[in-house]
Amino acid sequence: MNNVSKIITTREQLAVYVIVFFLLTIPFLSGCEKEVGSSLKSNAPDFNAISELEERKEKFFAYIQPFIVEKNDEITAKRNKLLALYNEYLNKTPLSMEEKNWLHSLAREYRLDGKKTAPDTLWVLLLRRVDIVPFDLALVQAAKESGWGTSRFARLGHNIYGQQCFKKGCGIMPQDRAEGAVHEVARFDSVRDSVHSYIRNLNTGTAYHDFRTIRFTLRENGKVPDGYSLIPGLLLYSERRDAYLAELQAMILANRKYMGT
């Protein structure tokens, strides 16, 4: 074999080695990327490792509160725009096509049919739904439903509000699920998603009509809705009904010092 043939053979072998190495490395790199992505989504503190209860409460509230504030800020911006358009409507100022399209989009977001609902009714329904969930209520419900971030569903599914889903494989199977029940506990990509879903649930779910009515009435009377006052509207959140509501009210009173401002 001449020198040229040797060089070609060596290059062919080297190319084969490179290809084999590349093929063997792809799964490893993909696994690393998936693991890194998961860790970024699962950056919650290990609340089980915090033995001191007061420290756990402070860190839990401090971790959850920014997600609540973020969603409430988003809702407040939309509510302010909604109120501005409502004033135009009351003053019989014609809305532009862009404004009408925005209203219909907002209605869809809040599970309303803007095209089939009478205008006067639609305004009222939107003003009832497009509103904040007070952070003190959102905090204590998160603490109650997740055992201060230590529950199985919080750890495995980032679900801190006990939210359910009803398609097989949609979430985590409850260990004490009653015979014949089909629900699972929803799984979220992040705690942030769980918080945002909870707020959306209270603002759109049929079970929380009373919650929205109480909040709307407070607004009509010139009052800022607070968590303690809205708790009676959550009767259907738990099968424990009145006992559950009493516990939430007691938790708000007992834990204000850990909530910050």
C-alpha atoms as a PDB file:
ATOM      1  CA  MET A   1       0.000   0.000   0.000  1.00  0.00           C
ATOM      2  CA  ASN A   2       1.450   3.408  -1.020  1.00  0.00           C
ATOM      3  CA  ASN A   3       1.569   6.465   1.213  1.00  0.00           C
ATOM      4  CA  VAL A   4      -1.508   8.071  -0.401  1.00  0.00           C
ATOM      5  CA  SER A   5      -3.606   4.952   0.282  1.00  0.00           C
ATOM      6  CA  LYS A   6      -2.453   4.883   3.876  1.00  0.00           C
ATOM      7  CA  ILE A   7      -3.486   8.517   4.373  1.00  0.00           C
ATOM      8  CA  ILE A   8      -6.957   7.890   2.865  1.00  0.00           C
ATOM      9  CA  THR A   9      -7.466   4.796   5.027  1.00  0.00           C
ATOM     10  CA  THR A  10      -6.410   6.679   8.152  1.00  0.00           C
ATOM     11  CA  ARG A  11      -8.781   9.531   7.339  1.00  0.00           C
ATOM     12  CA  GLU A  12     -11.665   7.116   6.761  1.00  0.00           C
ATOM     13  CA  GLN A  13     -11.022   5.429  10.109  1.00  0.00           C
ATOM     14  CA  LEU A  14     -10.838   8.792  11.863  1.00  0.00           C
ATOM     15  CA  ALA A  15     -14.154   9.838  10.297  1.00  0.00           C
ATOM     16  CA  VAL A  16     -15.784   6.634  11.514  1.00  0.00           C
ATOM     17  CA  TYR A  17     -14.478   7.217  15.043  1.00  0.00           C
ATOM     18  CA  VAL A  18     -15.827  10.777  15.053  1.00  0.00           C
ATOM     19  CA  ILE A  19     -19.273   9.668  13.839  1.00  0.00           C
ATOM     20  CA  VAL A  20     -19.481   6.862  16.409  1.00  0.00           C
ATOM     21  CA  PHE A  21     -18.412   9.206  19.197  1.00  0.00           C
ATOM     22  CA  PHE A  22     -20.977  11.795  18.127  1.00  0.00           C
ATOM     23  CA  LEU A  23     -23.807   9.243  18.014  1.00  0.00           C
ATOM     24  CA  LEU A  24     -22.901   7.897  21.440  1.00  0.00           C
ATOM     25  CA  THR A  25     -22.713  11.394  22.915  1.00  0.00           C
ATOM     26  CA  ILE A  26     -26.104  12.707  21.712  1.00  0.00           C
ATOM     27  CA  PRO A  27     -28.223  10.752  24.236  1.00  0.00           C
ATOM     28  CA  PHE A  28     -25.943  11.813  27.067  1.00  0.00           C
ATOM     29  CA  LEU A  29     -26.146  15.481  26.086  1.00  0.00           C
ATOM     30  CA  SER A  30     -29.911  15.284  25.672  1.00  0.00           C
ATOM     31  CA  GLY A  31     -30.223  13.743  29.104  1.00  0.00           C
ATOM     32  CA  CYS A  32     -28.102  16.497  30.608  1.00  0.00           C
ATOM     33  CA  GLU A  33     -30.194  19.182  28.931  1.00  0.00           C
ATOM     34  CA  LYS A  34     -33.405  17.592  30.165  1.00  0.00           C
ATOM     35  CA  GLU A  35     -32.012  17.315  33.674  1.00  0.00           C
ATOM     36  CA  VAL A  36     -30.856  20.933  33.678  1.00  0.00           C
ATOM     37  CA  GLY A  37     -34.248  22.092  32.421  1.00  0.00           C
ATOM     38  CA  SER A  38     -35.992  20.140  35.155  1.00  0.00           C
ATOM     39  CA  SER A  39     -33.771  21.578  37.849  1.00  0.00           C
ATOM     40  CA  LEU A  40     -34.475  25.103  36.661  1.00  0.00           C
ATOM     41  CA  LYS A  41     -38.192  24.441  36.934  1.00  0.00           C
ATOM     42  CA  SER A  42     -37.788  22.773  40.322  1.00  0.00           C
ATOM     43  CA  ASN A  43     -35.881  25.511  42.106  1.00  0.00           C
ATOM     44  CA  ALA A  44     -38.175  25.609  45.131  1.00  0.00           C
ATOM     45  CA  PRO A  45     -36.459  25.272  48.504  1.00  0.00           C
ATOM     46  CA  ASP A  46     -36.639  21.886  50.189  1.00  0.00           C
ATOM     47  CA  PHE A  47     -39.208  22.842  52.812  1.00  0.00           C
ATOM     48  CA  ASN A  48     -39.060  19.353  54.342  1.00  0.00           C
ATOM     49  CA  ALA A  49     -35.461  20.071  55.314  1.00  0.00           C
ATOM     50  CA  ILE A  50     -36.442  23.152  57.338  1.00  0.00           C
ATOM     51  CA  SER A  51     -37.238  21.811  60.791  1.00  0.00           C
ATOM     52  CA  GLU A  52     -37.968  25.152  62.468  1.00  0.00           C
ATOM     53  CA  LEU A  53     -41.631  25.957  61.754  1.00  0.00           C
ATOM     54  CA  GLU A  54     -41.294  29.749  61.880  1.00  0.00           C
ATOM     55  CA  GLU A  55     -38.378  29.648  59.431  1.00  0.00           C
ATOM     56  CA  ARG A  56     -40.347  27.330  57.115  1.00  0.00           C
ATOM     57  CA  LYS A  57     -43.327  29.686  57.154  1.00  0.00           C
ATOM     58  CA  GLU A  58     -41.207  32.726  56.362  1.00  0.00           C
ATOM     59  CA  LYS A  59     -39.356  31.007  53.521  1.00  0.00           C
ATOM     60  CA  PHE A  60     -42.521  29.457  52.103  1.00  0.00           C
ATOM     61  CA  PHE A  61     -44.372  32.768  51.976  1.00  0.00           C
ATOM     62  CA  ALA A  62     -41.310  34.575  50.621  1.00  0.00           C
ATOM     63  CA  TYR A  63     -41.016  31.998  47.833  1.00  0.00           C
ATOM     64  CA  ILE A  64     -44.708  31.999  46.839  1.00  0.00           C
ATOM     65  CA  GLN A  65     -45.525  35.698  47.139  1.00  0.00           C
ATOM     66  CA  PRO A  66     -43.706  36.942  43.977  1.00  0.00           C
ATOM     67  CA  PHE A  67     -45.749  34.577  41.801  1.00  0.00           C
ATOM     68  CA  ILE A  68     -48.985  35.911  43.321  1.00  0.00           C
ATOM     69  CA  VAL A  69     -47.899  39.523  42.901  1.00  0.00           C
ATOM     70  CA  GLU A  70     -46.837  38.879  39.310  1.00  0.00           C
ATOM     71  CA  LYS A  71     -50.233  37.474  38.323  1.00  0.00           C
ATOM     72  CA  ASN A  72     -52.154  40.128  40.256  1.00  0.00           C
ATOM     73  CA  ASP A  73     -50.147  42.888  38.558  1.00  0.00           C
ATOM     74  CA  GLU A  74     -51.048  41.402  35.171  1.00  0.00           C
ATOM     75  CA  ILE A  75     -54.724  41.251  36.146  1.00  0.00           C
ATOM     76  CA  THR A  76     -54.682  44.807  37.522  1.00  0.00           C
ATOM     77  CA  ALA A  77     -53.343  46.170  34.237  1.00  0.00           C
ATOM     78  CA  LYS A  78     -56.136  44.445  32.317  1.00  0.00           C
ATOM     79  CA  ARG A  79     -58.750  45.553  34.851  1.00  0.00           C
ATOM     80  CA  ASN A  80     -57.642  49.184  34.578  1.00  0.00           C
ATOM     81  CA  LYS A  81     -58.002  49.045  30.806  1.00  0.00           C
ATOM     82  CA  LEU A  82     -61.376  47.318  31.191  1.00  0.00           C
ATOM     83  CA  LEU A  83     -62.600  50.051  33.552  1.00  0.00           C
ATOM     84  CA  ALA A  84     -61.447  52.762  31.156  1.00  0.00           C
ATOM     85  CA  LEU A  85     -63.381  51.156  28.296  1.00  0.00           C
ATOM     86  CA  TYR A  86     -66.404  50.679  30.558  1.00  0.00           C
ATOM     87  CA  ASN A  87     -66.442  54.412  31.298  1.00  0.00           C
ATOM     88  CA  GLU A  88     -66.400  55.078  27.556  1.00  0.00           C
ATOM     89  CA  TYR A  89     -69.309  52.676  27.160  1.00  0.00           C
ATOM     90  CA  LEU A  90     -71.288  54.408  29.935  1.00  0.00           C
ATOM     91  CA  ASN A  91     -70.608  57.768  28.279  1.00  0.00           C
ATOM     92  CA  LYS A  92     -71.863  56.315  24.982  1.00  0.00           C
ATOM     93  CA  THR A  93     -68.470  56.775  23.349  1.00  0.00           C
ATOM     94  CA  PRO A  94     -68.219  54.272  20.458  1.00  0.00           C
ATOM     95  CA  LEU A  95     -65.457  51.720  20.941  1.00  0.00           C
ATOM     96  CA  SER A  96     -62.974  51.195  18.151  1.00  0.00           C
ATOM     97  CA  MET A  97     -62.711  47.843  16.402  1.00  0.00           C
ATOM     98  CA  GLU A  98     -59.390  47.286  18.153  1.00  0.00           C
ATOM     99  CA  GLU A  99     -61.025  47.897  21.533  1.00  0.00           C
ATOM    100  CA  LYS A 100     -63.923  45.571  20.705  1.00  0.00           C
ATOM    101  CA  ASN A 101     -61.494  42.843  19.638  1.00  0.00           C
ATOM    102  CA  TRP A 102     -59.558  43.282  22.883  1.00  0.00           C
ATOM    103  CA  LEU A 103     -62.767  42.903  24.900  1.00  0.00           C
ATOM    104  CA  HIS A 104     -63.733  39.729  23.040  1.00  0.00           C
ATOM    105  CA  SER A 105     -60.230  38.341  23.582  1.00  0.00           C
ATOM    106  CA  LEU A 106     -60.464  39.168  27.300  1.00  0.00           C
ATOM    107  CA  ALA A 107     -63.878  37.496  27.464  1.00  0.00           C
ATOM    108  CA  ARG A 108     -62.462  34.298  25.946  1.00  0.00           C
ATOM    109  CA  GLU A 109     -59.558  34.361  28.403  1.00  0.00           C
ATOM    110  CA  TYR A 110     -62.084  34.517  31.254  1.00  0.00           C
ATOM    111  CA  ARG A 111     -64.318  31.809  29.773  1.00  0.00           C
ATOM    112  CA  LEU A 112     -67.090  34.060  28.541  1.00  0.00           C
ATOM    113  CA  ASP A 113     -68.674  34.316  25.099  1.00  0.00           C
ATOM    114  CA  GLY A 114     -68.395  37.979  24.234  1.00  0.00           C
ATOM    115  CA  LYS A 115     -70.349  37.671  20.994  1.00  0.00           C
ATOM    116  CA  LYS A 116     -73.347  35.831  22.447  1.00  0.00           C
ATOM    117  CA  THR A 117     -73.644  37.745  25.731  1.00  0.00           C
ATOM    118  CA  ALA A 118     -75.635  40.964  25.951  1.00  0.00           C
ATOM    119  CA  PRO A 119     -73.283  43.976  26.327  1.00  0.00           C
ATOM    120  CA  ASP A 120     -74.598  45.115  29.722  1.00  0.00           C
ATOM    121  CA  THR A 121     -74.300  41.577  31.078  1.00  0.00           C
ATOM    122  CA  LEU A 122     -70.827  41.086  29.599  1.00  0.00           C
ATOM    123  CA  TRP A 123     -69.474  44.211  31.281  1.00  0.00           C
ATOM    124  CA  VAL A 124     -70.703  43.064  34.689  1.00  0.00           C
ATOM    125  CA  LEU A 125     -69.375  39.513  34.226  1.00  0.00           C
ATOM    126  CA  LEU A 126     -65.971  40.811  33.158  1.00  0.00           C
ATOM    127  CA  LEU A 127     -65.753  43.231  36.081  1.00  0.00           C
ATOM    128  CA  ARG A 128     -66.573  40.348  38.429  1.00  0.00           C
ATOM    129  CA  ARG A 129     -63.932  38.068  36.941  1.00  0.00           C
ATOM    130  CA  VAL A 130     -61.037  40.321  35.971  1.00  0.00           C
ATOM    131  CA  ASP A 131     -59.838  41.082  39.479  1.00  0.00           C
ATOM    132  CA  ILE A 132     -57.075  40.118  41.883  1.00  0.00           C
ATOM    133  CA  VAL A 133     -56.957  37.374  44.488  1.00  0.00           C
ATOM    134  CA  PRO A 134     -55.618  39.015  47.682  1.00  0.00           C
ATOM    135  CA  PHE A 135     -52.150  37.712  48.436  1.00  0.00           C
ATOM    136  CA  ASP A 136     -52.962  36.870  52.067  1.00  0.00           C
ATOM    137  CA  LEU A 137     -55.669  34.460  50.912  1.00  0.00           C
ATOM    138  CA  ALA A 138     -53.480  32.990  48.177  1.00  0.00           C
ATOM    139  CA  LEU A 139     -50.654  32.501  50.672  1.00  0.00           C
ATOM    140  CA  VAL A 140     -52.645  30.716  53.362  1.00  0.00           C
ATOM    141  CA  GLN A 141     -54.427  28.473  50.854  1.00  0.00           C
ATOM    142  CA  ALA A 142     -51.056  27.491  49.423  1.00  0.00           C
ATOM    143  CA  ALA A 143     -49.814  26.717  52.929  1.00  0.00           C
ATOM    144  CA  LYS A 144     -52.973  24.800  53.822  1.00  0.00           C
ATOM    145  CA  GLU A 145     -53.156  22.724  50.649  1.00  0.00           C
ATOM    146  CA  SER A 146     -49.455  21.906  50.439  1.00  0.00           C
ATOM    147  CA  GLY A 147     -48.555  21.493  54.118  1.00  0.00           C
ATOM    148  CA  TRP A 148     -46.230  24.486  53.856  1.00  0.00           C
ATOM    149  CA  GLY A 149     -44.688  23.096  50.672  1.00  0.00           C
ATOM    150  CA  THR A 150     -44.021  19.592  52.021  1.00  0.00           C
ATOM    151  CA  SER A 151     -46.879  17.581  50.490  1.00  0.00           C
ATOM    152  CA  ARG A 152     -46.354  14.793  47.980  1.00  0.00           C
ATOM    153  CA  PHE A 153     -48.206  16.750  45.302  1.00  0.00           C
ATOM    154  CA  ALA A 154     -46.148  19.889  45.921  1.00  0.00           C
ATOM    155  CA  ARG A 155     -42.890  17.952  45.718  1.00  0.00           C
ATOM    156  CA  LEU A 156     -43.718  15.738  42.729  1.00  0.00           C
ATOM    157  CA  GLY A 157     -46.084  17.934  40.749  1.00  0.00           C
ATOM    158  CA  HIS A 158     -45.438  21.541  41.850  1.00  0.00           C
ATOM    159  CA  ASN A 159     -49.126  21.585  42.837  1.00  0.00           C
ATOM    160  CA  ILE A 160     -49.532  23.697  45.953  1.00  0.00           C
ATOM    161  CA  TYR A 161     -53.300  24.268  45.785  1.00  0.00           C
ATOM    162  CA  GLY A 162     -54.575  20.705  45.455  1.00  0.00           C
ATOM    163  CA  GLN A 163     -55.998  21.423  42.008  1.00  0.00           C
ATOM    164  CA  GLN A 164     -57.516  18.410  40.307  1.00  0.00           C
ATOM    165  CA  CYS A 165     -57.728  17.168  36.721  1.00  0.00           C
ATOM    166  CA  PHE A 166     -60.030  14.553  35.247  1.00  0.00           C
ATOM    167  CA  LYS A 167     -58.262  12.796  32.363  1.00  0.00           C
ATOM    168  CA  LYS A 168     -56.405   9.563  32.985  1.00  0.00           C
ATOM    169  CA  GLY A 169     -52.694  10.261  33.361  1.00  0.00           C
ATOM    170  CA  CYS A 170     -53.165  14.029  33.641  1.00  0.00           C
ATOM    171  CA  GLY A 171     -51.588  14.220  37.076  1.00  0.00           C
ATOM    172  CA  ILE A 172     -50.722  12.250  40.208  1.00  0.00           C
ATOM    173  CA  MET A 173     -52.982   9.534  41.597  1.00  0.00           C
ATOM    174  CA  PRO A 174     -54.222  10.341  45.128  1.00  0.00           C
ATOM    175  CA  GLN A 175     -53.408   7.498  47.496  1.00  0.00           C
ATOM    176  CA  ASP A 176     -56.727   7.836  49.316  1.00  0.00           C
ATOM    177  CA  ARG A 177     -58.965   8.331  46.272  1.00  0.00           C
ATOM    178  CA  ALA A 178     -62.473   6.986  46.817  1.00  0.00           C
ATOM    179  CA  GLU A 179     -63.603   3.961  44.838  1.00  0.00           C
ATOM    180  CA  GLY A 180     -65.188   5.042  41.574  1.00  0.00           C
ATOM    181  CA  ALA A 181     -63.565   8.483  41.570  1.00  0.00           C
ATOM    182  CA  VAL A 182     -61.692   9.471  38.411  1.00  0.00           C
ATOM    183  CA  HIS A 183     -59.869  12.627  39.428  1.00  0.00           C
ATOM    184  CA  GLU A 184     -56.110  13.016  39.749  1.00  0.00           C
ATOM    185  CA  VAL A 185     -54.106  15.825  41.331  1.00  0.00           C
ATOM    186  CA  ALA A 186     -52.816  18.039  38.528  1.00  0.00           C
ATOM    187  CA  ARG A 187     -49.119  18.183  37.723  1.00  0.00           C
ATOM    188  CA  PHE A 188     -47.524  21.531  36.800  1.00  0.00           C
ATOM    189  CA  ASP A 189     -44.204  22.408  35.200  1.00  0.00           C
ATOM    190  CA  SER A 190     -43.481  24.907  37.977  1.00  0.00           C
ATOM    191  CA  VAL A 191     -44.880  26.345  41.192  1.00  0.00           C
ATOM    192  CA  ARG A 192     -45.426  29.592  39.279  1.00  0.00           C
ATOM    193  CA  ASP A 193     -47.766  27.768  36.887  1.00  0.00           C
ATOM    194  CA  SER A 194     -49.644  26.309  39.856  1.00  0.00           C
ATOM    195  CA  VAL A 195     -50.140  29.771  41.396  1.00  0.00           C
ATOM    196  CA  HIS A 196     -51.344  31.284  38.128  1.00  0.00           C
ATOM    197  CA  SER A 197     -53.708  28.365  37.508  1.00  0.00           C
ATOM    198  CA  TYR A 198     -55.189  28.737  40.999  1.00  0.00           C
ATOM    199  CA  ILE A 199     -55.938  32.420  40.464  1.00  0.00           C
ATOM    200  CA  ARG A 200     -57.482  31.687  37.081  1.00  0.00           C
ATOM    201  CA  ASN A 201     -59.577  28.951  38.693  1.00  0.00           C
ATOM    202  CA  LEU A 202     -61.034  31.326  41.297  1.00  0.00           C
ATOM    203  CA  ASN A 203     -61.738  33.930  38.629  1.00  0.00           C
ATOM    204  CA  THR A 204     -63.489  31.628  36.158  1.00  0.00           C
ATOM    205  CA  GLY A 205     -64.673  28.427  37.868  1.00  0.00           C
ATOM    206  CA  THR A 206     -68.422  27.989  38.343  1.00  0.00           C
ATOM    207  CA  ALA A 207     -67.839  26.766  41.915  1.00  0.00           C
ATOM    208  CA  TYR A 208     -66.501  30.203  42.900  1.00  0.00           C
ATOM    209  CA  HIS A 209     -69.371  32.403  41.767  1.00  0.00           C
ATOM    210  CA  ASP A 210     -70.001  33.447  45.386  1.00  0.00           C
ATOM    211  CA  PHE A 211     -66.321  34.350  45.812  1.00  0.00           C
ATOM    212  CA  ARG A 212     -66.519  36.712  42.838  1.00  0.00           C
ATOM    213  CA  THR A 213     -69.853  38.148  44.011  1.00  0.00           C
ATOM    214  CA  ILE A 214     -68.442  39.043  47.445  1.00  0.00           C
ATOM    215  CA  ARG A 215     -65.389  40.640  45.839  1.00  0.00           C
ATOM    216  CA  PHE A 216     -67.542  42.617  43.387  1.00  0.00           C
ATOM    217  CA  THR A 217     -69.823  43.826  46.190  1.00  0.00           C
ATOM    218  CA  LEU A 218     -66.830  45.045  48.195  1.00  0.00           C
ATOM    219  CA  ARG A 219     -65.641  46.995  45.147  1.00  0.00           C
ATOM    220  CA  GLU A 220     -69.097  48.482  44.642  1.00  0.00           C
ATOM    221  CA  ASN A 221     -69.023  49.686  48.250  1.00  0.00           C
ATOM    222  CA  GLY A 222     -65.661  51.351  47.766  1.00  0.00           C
ATOM    223  CA  LYS A 223     -63.697  48.736  49.706  1.00  0.00           C
ATOM    224  CA  VAL A 224     -60.502  46.928  48.707  1.00  0.00           C
ATOM    225  CA  PRO A 225     -61.107  43.152  48.746  1.00  0.00           C
ATOM    226  CA  ASP A 226     -59.163  41.353  51.469  1.00  0.00           C
ATOM    227  CA  GLY A 227     -58.577  37.648  51.888  1.00  0.00           C
ATOM    228  CA  TYR A 228     -60.416  37.240  55.165  1.00  0.00           C
ATOM    229  CA  SER A 229     -63.617  38.761  53.760  1.00  0.00           C
ATOM    230  CA  LEU A 230     -63.523  36.595  50.627  1.00  0.00           C
ATOM    231  CA  ILE A 231     -63.096  33.245  52.376  1.00  0.00           C
ATOM    232  CA  PRO A 232     -66.875  32.585  52.723  1.00  0.00           C
ATOM    233  CA  GLY A 233     -67.015  32.433  48.916  1.00  0.00           C
ATOM    234  CA  LEU A 234     -64.773  29.346  48.891  1.00  0.00           C
ATOM    235  CA  LEU A 235     -67.278  26.944  50.457  1.00  0.00           C
ATOM    236  CA  LEU A 236     -66.979  24.514  47.536  1.00  0.00           C
ATOM    237  CA  TYR A 237     -63.175  24.486  47.495  1.00  0.00           C
ATOM    238  CA  SER A 238     -63.050  21.644  50.017  1.00  0.00           C
ATOM    239  CA  GLU A 239     -65.375  18.805  50.955  1.00  0.00           C
ATOM    240  CA  ARG A 240     -64.894  19.921  54.561  1.00  0.00           C
ATOM    241  CA  ARG A 241     -66.919  23.053  53.764  1.00  0.00           C
ATOM    242  CA  ASP A 242     -67.389  25.347  56.831  1.00  0.00           C
ATOM    243  CA  ALA A 243     -64.602  23.689  58.833  1.00  0.00           C
ATOM    244  CA  TYR A 244     -62.188  24.381  55.970  1.00  0.00           C
ATOM    245  CA  LEU A 245     -63.239  28.036  55.781  1.00  0.00           C
ATOM    246  CA  ALA A 246     -62.787  28.461  59.540  1.00  0.00           C
ATOM    247  CA  GLU A 247     -59.268  27.043  59.298  1.00  0.00           C
ATOM    248  CA  LEU A 248     -58.349  29.463  56.498  1.00  0.00           C
ATOM    249  CA  GLN A 249     -59.612  32.429  58.504  1.00  0.00           C
ATOM    250  CA  ALA A 250     -57.662  31.276  61.564  1.00  0.00           C
ATOM    251  CA  MET A 251     -54.529  30.843  59.443  1.00  0.00           C
ATOM    252  CA  ILE A 252     -54.762  34.384  58.072  1.00  0.00           C
ATOM    253  CA  LEU A 253     -55.054  35.815  61.576  1.00  0.00           C
ATOM    254  CA  ALA A 254     -52.239  33.657  62.964  1.00  0.00           C
ATOM    255  CA  ASN A 255     -49.731  34.147  60.137  1.00  0.00           C
ATOM    256  CA  ARG A 256     -49.904  37.807  59.158  1.00  0.00           C
ATOM    257  CA  LYS A 257     -46.477  38.473  60.689  1.00  0.00           C
ATOM    258  CA  TYR A 258     -44.877  36.054  58.203  1.00  0.00           C
ATOM    259  CA  MET A 259     -46.513  37.532  55.108  1.00  0.00           C
ATOM    260  CA  GLY A 260     -44.523  40.726  54.674  1.00  0.00           C
ATOM    261  CA  THR A 261     -46.260  43.778  53.226  1.00  0.00           C
END
